[in-house]
Amino acid sequence: MATLTIKNVPDELHARLKRSAVQHRRSLNSEAIVCLEKALGSIRIDPDTFLAEVRAHRKSIPGIFVTDEFLRAAKNEGRL
């Protein structure tokens, strides 16, 4: 990966970036990268590929996942 040095950053901009990094629990460097990606437009992700990766990852995680049926039952619990 490339390295980028930014000089003469105005104090107020630096402070805003630092507050944003704290709020998002990221390093100042990571926050700057996220802001640059947002400003320049991130890489397009193929929805089918993304969903396939998420589903594969989800299968690898043990645990209980909320289903529509579970949500319906929880929502209607106690109703007459």
Protein backbone atom coordinates (compact mmCIF):
# COMPACT_ATOMS: atom_id res chain seq x y z
CA MET A 1 0.00 0.00 0.00
CA ALA A 2 1.04 3.54 -0.61
CA THR A 3 1.80 6.06 2.10
CA LEU A 4 0.35 9.56 2.04
CA THR A 5 1.55 12.50 4.11
CA ILE A 6 -0.76 15.50 4.37
CA LYS A 7 0.86 18.77 5.41
CA ASN A 8 -0.63 22.03 6.67
CA VAL A 9 -3.95 20.56 7.78
CA PRO A 10 -5.98 23.37 9.38
CA ASP A 11 -6.34 22.92 13.14
CA GLU A 12 -10.14 22.89 13.02
CA LEU A 13 -10.18 20.23 10.29
CA HIS A 14 -7.71 18.11 12.26
CA ALA A 15 -9.87 18.47 15.38
CA ARG A 16 -13.03 17.47 13.47
CA LEU A 17 -11.29 14.45 11.98
CA LYS A 18 -9.97 13.44 15.39
CA ARG A 19 -13.45 13.76 16.99
CA SER A 20 -14.93 11.69 14.18
CA ALA A 21 -12.26 9.02 14.64
CA VAL A 22 -13.01 8.80 18.37
CA GLN A 23 -16.75 8.63 17.69
CA HIS A 24 -16.28 5.78 15.21
CA ARG A 25 -13.61 4.08 17.34
CA ARG A 26 -11.01 4.30 14.59
CA SER A 27 -7.49 5.60 14.39
CA LEU A 28 -6.96 9.00 12.86
CA ASN A 29 -5.38 7.32 9.85
CA SER A 30 -8.32 4.92 9.36
CA GLU A 31 -10.81 7.77 9.72
CA ALA A 32 -8.96 9.78 7.07
CA ILE A 33 -9.06 6.80 4.69
CA VAL A 34 -12.79 6.31 5.26
CA CYS A 35 -13.43 10.01 4.62
CA LEU A 36 -11.38 9.90 1.42
CA GLU A 37 -13.23 6.80 0.23
CA LYS A 38 -16.58 8.51 0.87
CA ALA A 39 -15.49 11.71 -0.87
CA LEU A 40 -14.05 9.96 -3.91
CA GLY A 41 -16.64 7.22 -4.16
CA SER A 42 -15.93 3.73 -3.07
CA ILE A 43 -15.43 0.74 -5.33
CA ARG A 44 -18.64 -0.77 -6.68
CA ILE A 45 -19.49 -4.10 -5.10
CA ASP A 46 -21.40 -6.77 -6.98
CA PRO A 47 -24.49 -7.48 -4.82
CA ASP A 48 -24.58 -11.19 -5.66
CA THR A 49 -20.92 -11.67 -4.77
CA PHE A 50 -21.34 -9.66 -1.57
CA LEU A 51 -24.39 -11.68 -0.48
CA ALA A 52 -22.64 -14.96 -1.24
CA GLU A 53 -19.68 -13.90 0.91
CA VAL A 54 -21.96 -12.78 3.76
CA ARG A 55 -23.95 -16.02 3.64
CA ALA A 56 -20.76 -18.10 3.66
CA HIS A 57 -19.43 -16.12 6.60
CA ARG A 58 -22.72 -16.39 8.43
CA LYS A 59 -22.70 -20.20 8.10
CA SER A 60 -19.25 -20.31 9.68
CA ILE A 61 -20.45 -18.50 12.82
CA PRO A 62 -22.12 -20.73 15.40
CA GLY A 63 -25.15 -19.31 17.12
CA ILE A 64 -28.77 -18.45 16.74
CA PHE A 65 -29.96 -16.13 14.02
CA VAL A 66 -33.21 -14.24 14.18
CA THR A 67 -35.81 -15.43 11.68
CA ASP A 68 -38.98 -13.77 10.42
CA GLU A 69 -41.01 -16.31 12.35
CA PHE A 70 -39.15 -15.52 15.57
CA LEU A 71 -39.67 -11.78 15.08
CA ARG A 72 -43.38 -12.25 14.35
CA ALA A 73 -43.84 -14.38 17.47
CA ALA A 74 -41.91 -11.92 19.64
CA LYS A 75 -43.91 -9.00 18.24
CA ASN A 76 -47.24 -10.71 18.85
CA GLU A 77 -46.34 -12.13 22.26
CA GLY A 78 -48.77 -10.89 24.86
CA ARG A 79 -51.22 -9.46 22.34
CA LEU A 80 -54.82 -10.59 22.42
